[in-house]
């Protein structure tokens, strides 16, 4: 678990999230064990800032729209050790519970990343290409094709998650197929569709889902749009 400044730490209970106490839920887990909680748990949260919009769930972040200061959100720590914005947690939890009810077992492989973590990912990728013998210029170009530059990754908002399978119970294709068909019902969209790479600026990622809210997700799914196209409308 990450150490946090005491001034920024506070506890968020399920009544604060759902308005009801003693709700039985399954905490998202990064392993094969899922705990059914019968009492009010304590879940760690912290603050994150990003760009202001009329609807914070529709903030556009991509290779041409960089995150700026202003938007405040709360991050909730999942049992798997990943953070997500607490506002997407109820729907994320419900989606995972429904998947498990159908015999498909997902895990959150990645959630919120700090700007520093995003920068480190970029540096690591560049160094990997340098070690393969690429020039510094080409290494940077190749790295940026796979990793979003710092400030240009949705993971820095806390409302995007990479969802893969718990390999002991499911496989990735089962998870990806279910999400492609059903995620919009919970307010999530596949952020980087295979046929929209020229618009999104990112390669196809069947594991990367972004929360936009139920209304926007339904429209985007029904019309076959990506977020950029939807916002243009």
Protein backbone atom coordinates (compact mmCIF):
# COMPACT_ATOMS: atom_id res chain seq x y z
CA UNK A 1 0.00 0.00 0.00
CA UNK A 2 1.27 3.46 -0.84
CA UNK A 3 2.24 5.77 1.99
CA UNK A 4 0.25 8.94 2.05
CA UNK A 5 0.52 12.34 3.69
CA UNK A 6 -1.51 12.27 6.88
CA UNK A 7 -3.12 15.58 5.99
CA UNK A 8 -4.51 14.07 2.80
CA UNK A 9 -5.64 10.77 4.25
CA UNK A 10 -9.19 10.12 5.28
CA UNK A 11 -11.46 7.12 5.47
CA UNK A 12 -14.39 6.54 3.14
CA UNK A 13 -17.07 4.13 4.23
CA UNK A 14 -19.72 2.48 2.11
CA UNK A 15 -22.49 4.70 3.54
CA UNK A 16 -20.64 7.64 2.04
CA UNK A 17 -20.56 5.90 -1.31
CA UNK A 18 -23.98 4.29 -1.43
CA UNK A 19 -26.06 5.91 1.30
CA UNK A 20 -26.72 2.58 3.00
CA UNK A 21 -24.87 0.74 5.72
CA UNK A 22 -23.76 -2.85 6.00
CA UNK A 23 -24.00 -3.54 2.32
CA UNK A 24 -22.58 -6.89 1.25
CA UNK A 25 -20.15 -6.36 -1.59
CA UNK A 26 -17.21 -8.03 -3.21
CA UNK A 27 -14.01 -5.98 -3.15
CA UNK A 28 -12.14 -6.02 -6.44
CA UNK A 29 -9.12 -8.26 -6.04
CA UNK A 30 -5.90 -8.73 -7.94
CA UNK A 31 -5.79 -12.42 -7.04
CA UNK A 32 -8.10 -15.42 -6.98
CA UNK A 33 -9.59 -14.64 -3.57
CA UNK A 34 -12.64 -12.38 -3.29
CA UNK A 35 -13.91 -11.35 0.13
CA UNK A 36 -17.60 -10.87 0.87
CA UNK A 37 -17.85 -8.04 3.39
CA UNK A 38 -20.82 -8.00 5.76
CA UNK A 39 -19.83 -4.93 7.77
CA UNK A 40 -18.82 -1.41 6.89
CA UNK A 41 -15.19 -1.54 5.67
CA UNK A 42 -12.62 1.20 5.85
CA UNK A 43 -11.26 2.17 2.42
CA UNK A 44 -8.43 4.57 1.90
CA UNK A 45 -8.94 7.59 -0.34
CA UNK A 46 -6.81 10.48 -1.53
CA UNK A 47 -7.18 13.52 -3.79
CA UNK A 48 -6.32 13.89 -7.46
CA UNK A 49 -6.57 16.94 -9.70
CA UNK A 50 -7.21 17.24 -13.44
CA UNK A 51 -8.95 19.49 -15.94
CA UNK A 52 -12.34 21.13 -15.25
CA UNK A 53 -15.32 20.50 -17.54
CA UNK A 54 -19.07 20.75 -17.12
CA UNK A 55 -19.12 16.98 -16.76
CA UNK A 56 -15.90 15.65 -15.19
CA UNK A 57 -16.68 12.16 -16.46
CA UNK A 58 -16.36 13.47 -20.04
CA UNK A 59 -12.93 15.09 -19.72
CA UNK A 60 -11.03 14.53 -22.95
CA UNK A 61 -7.45 13.40 -22.46
CA UNK A 62 -5.44 12.20 -25.43
CA UNK A 63 -2.29 13.03 -27.40
CA UNK A 64 -3.60 16.53 -28.20
CA UNK A 65 -5.49 17.28 -24.97
CA UNK A 66 -3.30 17.38 -21.91
CA UNK A 67 -4.49 17.28 -18.30
CA UNK A 68 -4.32 20.62 -16.50
CA UNK A 69 -4.95 21.58 -12.90
CA UNK A 70 -8.41 22.28 -11.60
CA UNK A 71 -10.62 19.21 -11.37
CA UNK A 72 -10.73 17.53 -7.97
CA UNK A 73 -11.65 13.91 -7.52
CA UNK A 74 -11.27 11.32 -4.78
CA UNK A 75 -9.34 8.13 -5.33
CA UNK A 76 -10.37 4.94 -3.61
CA UNK A 77 -7.90 2.14 -2.95
CA UNK A 78 -9.10 -1.24 -4.20
CA UNK A 79 -8.19 -4.51 -2.58
CA UNK A 80 -5.90 -5.29 -5.51
CA UNK A 81 -3.74 -2.29 -4.62
CA UNK A 82 -4.93 -0.07 -7.48
CA UNK A 83 -6.64 3.30 -7.13
CA UNK A 84 -9.74 4.48 -9.03
CA UNK A 85 -11.96 7.55 -8.68
CA UNK A 86 -14.52 6.77 -5.97
CA UNK A 87 -17.34 8.02 -8.22
CA UNK A 88 -16.87 5.14 -10.65
CA UNK A 89 -16.47 2.52 -7.94
CA UNK A 90 -20.14 1.52 -7.48
CA UNK A 91 -20.66 0.81 -11.19
CA UNK A 92 -17.27 -0.86 -11.54
CA UNK A 93 -18.12 -3.10 -8.60
CA UNK A 94 -21.54 -3.97 -10.00
CA UNK A 95 -20.04 -4.79 -13.40
CA UNK A 96 -17.47 -7.10 -11.83
CA UNK A 97 -20.10 -8.80 -9.66
CA UNK A 98 -22.33 -9.43 -12.69
CA UNK A 99 -19.39 -10.85 -14.65
CA UNK A 100 -18.56 -13.24 -11.84
CA UNK A 101 -22.20 -14.31 -11.65
CA UNK A 102 -21.82 -15.40 -15.26
CA UNK A 103 -18.65 -17.35 -14.52
CA UNK A 104 -16.20 -14.74 -15.86
CA UNK A 105 -13.57 -13.47 -13.45
CA UNK A 106 -11.99 -10.07 -14.17
CA UNK A 107 -9.35 -8.14 -12.27
CA UNK A 108 -8.23 -4.51 -12.42
CA UNK A 109 -4.73 -4.70 -13.83
CA UNK A 110 -4.23 -0.92 -13.81
CA UNK A 111 -6.14 2.06 -12.48
CA UNK A 112 -4.94 5.53 -11.51
CA UNK A 113 -1.33 6.47 -12.23
CA UNK A 114 0.43 9.60 -11.05
CA UNK A 115 2.13 11.90 -13.54
CA UNK A 116 5.45 10.70 -12.14
CA UNK A 117 4.52 7.07 -12.70
CA UNK A 118 3.47 7.85 -16.27
CA UNK A 119 6.78 9.62 -16.84
CA UNK A 120 8.67 6.63 -15.46
CA UNK A 121 6.78 4.29 -17.79
CA UNK A 122 7.83 6.42 -20.73
CA UNK A 123 11.46 6.49 -19.61
CA UNK A 124 11.49 2.72 -19.12
CA UNK A 125 10.08 2.14 -22.60
CA UNK A 126 12.59 4.53 -24.18
CA UNK A 127 15.46 2.83 -22.35
CA UNK A 128 14.23 -0.56 -23.51
CA UNK A 129 14.44 0.58 -27.13
CA UNK A 130 17.83 2.19 -26.53
CA UNK A 131 19.10 -1.10 -25.17
CA UNK A 132 17.95 -2.77 -28.37
CA UNK A 133 20.20 -0.44 -30.33
CA UNK A 134 17.75 2.18 -31.53
CA UNK A 135 18.82 5.82 -31.74
CA UNK A 136 17.53 8.17 -29.05
CA UNK A 137 15.20 9.89 -31.52
CA UNK A 138 13.74 6.64 -32.84
CA UNK A 139 13.51 5.11 -29.36
CA UNK A 140 11.43 8.07 -28.19
CA UNK A 141 9.20 7.90 -31.26
CA UNK A 142 8.56 4.17 -30.83
CA UNK A 143 7.94 4.54 -27.09
CA UNK A 144 5.36 7.27 -27.65
CA UNK A 145 3.46 4.99 -30.00
CA UNK A 146 2.89 2.57 -27.13
CA UNK A 147 2.91 4.77 -24.03
CA UNK A 148 1.01 8.04 -23.60
CA UNK A 149 3.29 10.95 -22.68
CA UNK A 150 2.91 12.22 -19.11
CA UNK A 151 -0.23 14.34 -18.78
CA UNK A 152 -1.85 12.65 -21.76
CA UNK A 153 -2.95 9.38 -20.19
CA UNK A 154 -6.48 8.76 -18.97
CA UNK A 155 -5.01 6.72 -16.15
CA UNK A 156 -3.97 10.01 -14.58
CA UNK A 157 -7.68 10.88 -14.17
CA UNK A 158 -8.59 7.81 -12.17
CA UNK A 159 -11.67 7.03 -14.29
CA UNK A 160 -9.99 4.57 -16.65
CA UNK A 161 -9.11 0.97 -15.86
CA UNK A 162 -7.30 -1.85 -17.59
CA UNK A 163 -9.37 -4.99 -17.08
CA UNK A 164 -7.95 -8.45 -17.68
CA UNK A 165 -8.81 -11.98 -16.59
CA UNK A 166 -7.99 -13.79 -13.40
CA UNK A 167 -6.04 -16.43 -15.30
CA UNK A 168 -6.82 -19.12 -12.73
CA UNK A 169 -10.52 -18.92 -13.60
CA UNK A 170 -10.95 -17.17 -16.96
CA UNK A 171 -9.06 -16.07 -20.04
CA UNK A 172 -8.64 -12.60 -21.48
CA UNK A 173 -10.78 -13.25 -24.55
CA UNK A 174 -13.77 -14.12 -22.35
CA UNK A 175 -13.31 -10.88 -20.42
CA UNK A 176 -12.78 -8.72 -23.51
CA UNK A 177 -15.79 -10.21 -25.29
CA UNK A 178 -18.09 -9.66 -22.31
CA UNK A 179 -16.91 -6.10 -21.81
CA UNK A 180 -17.33 -5.20 -25.48
CA UNK A 181 -20.93 -6.36 -25.33
CA UNK A 182 -21.96 -5.18 -21.87
CA UNK A 183 -19.67 -2.51 -20.39
CA UNK A 184 -21.80 0.36 -21.71
CA UNK A 185 -24.67 -0.80 -19.48
CA UNK A 186 -22.55 0.25 -16.51
CA UNK A 187 -21.33 3.54 -17.95
CA UNK A 188 -18.02 2.31 -19.37
CA UNK A 189 -16.76 2.46 -22.95
CA UNK A 190 -13.93 0.73 -24.75
CA UNK A 191 -11.77 3.79 -25.12
CA UNK A 192 -9.54 2.74 -28.01
CA UNK A 193 -11.61 0.74 -30.54
CA UNK A 194 -9.84 -1.14 -33.31
CA UNK A 195 -11.44 0.92 -36.09
CA UNK A 196 -10.82 4.34 -34.46
CA UNK A 197 -7.04 4.38 -34.02
CA UNK A 198 -6.65 7.24 -36.49
CA UNK A 199 -8.98 9.36 -34.32
CA UNK A 200 -7.98 8.34 -30.80
CA UNK A 201 -4.27 8.34 -31.56
CA UNK A 202 -3.83 5.09 -29.64
CA UNK A 203 -3.51 1.48 -30.74
CA UNK A 204 -6.41 -0.92 -30.14
CA UNK A 205 -6.61 -1.85 -26.44
CA UNK A 206 -9.46 -4.28 -25.69
CA UNK A 207 -8.61 -4.10 -21.99
CA UNK A 208 -8.80 -0.30 -21.54
CA UNK A 209 -12.19 0.96 -20.37
CA UNK A 210 -13.14 4.50 -19.45
CA UNK A 211 -16.12 5.62 -17.39
CA UNK A 212 -18.28 8.29 -19.07
CA UNK A 213 -21.64 7.75 -17.37
CA UNK A 214 -24.63 5.67 -18.42
CA UNK A 215 -26.18 8.12 -20.91
CA UNK A 216 -22.97 8.87 -22.82
CA UNK A 217 -21.92 5.23 -22.79
CA UNK A 218 -25.25 4.12 -24.25
CA UNK A 219 -25.04 6.72 -27.05
CA UNK A 220 -21.41 5.92 -27.85
CA UNK A 221 -22.11 2.19 -27.97
CA UNK A 222 -25.30 2.50 -30.02
CA UNK A 223 -23.75 4.83 -32.59
CA UNK A 224 -20.39 3.07 -32.77
CA UNK A 225 -18.44 6.17 -31.81
CA UNK A 226 -15.25 6.85 -29.92
CA UNK A 227 -15.15 9.54 -27.23
CA UNK A 228 -13.60 12.13 -29.56
CA UNK A 229 -16.45 11.71 -32.07
CA UNK A 230 -19.08 11.84 -29.34
CA UNK A 231 -17.73 15.08 -27.91
CA UNK A 232 -17.62 16.62 -31.39
CA UNK A 233 -21.35 15.99 -31.66
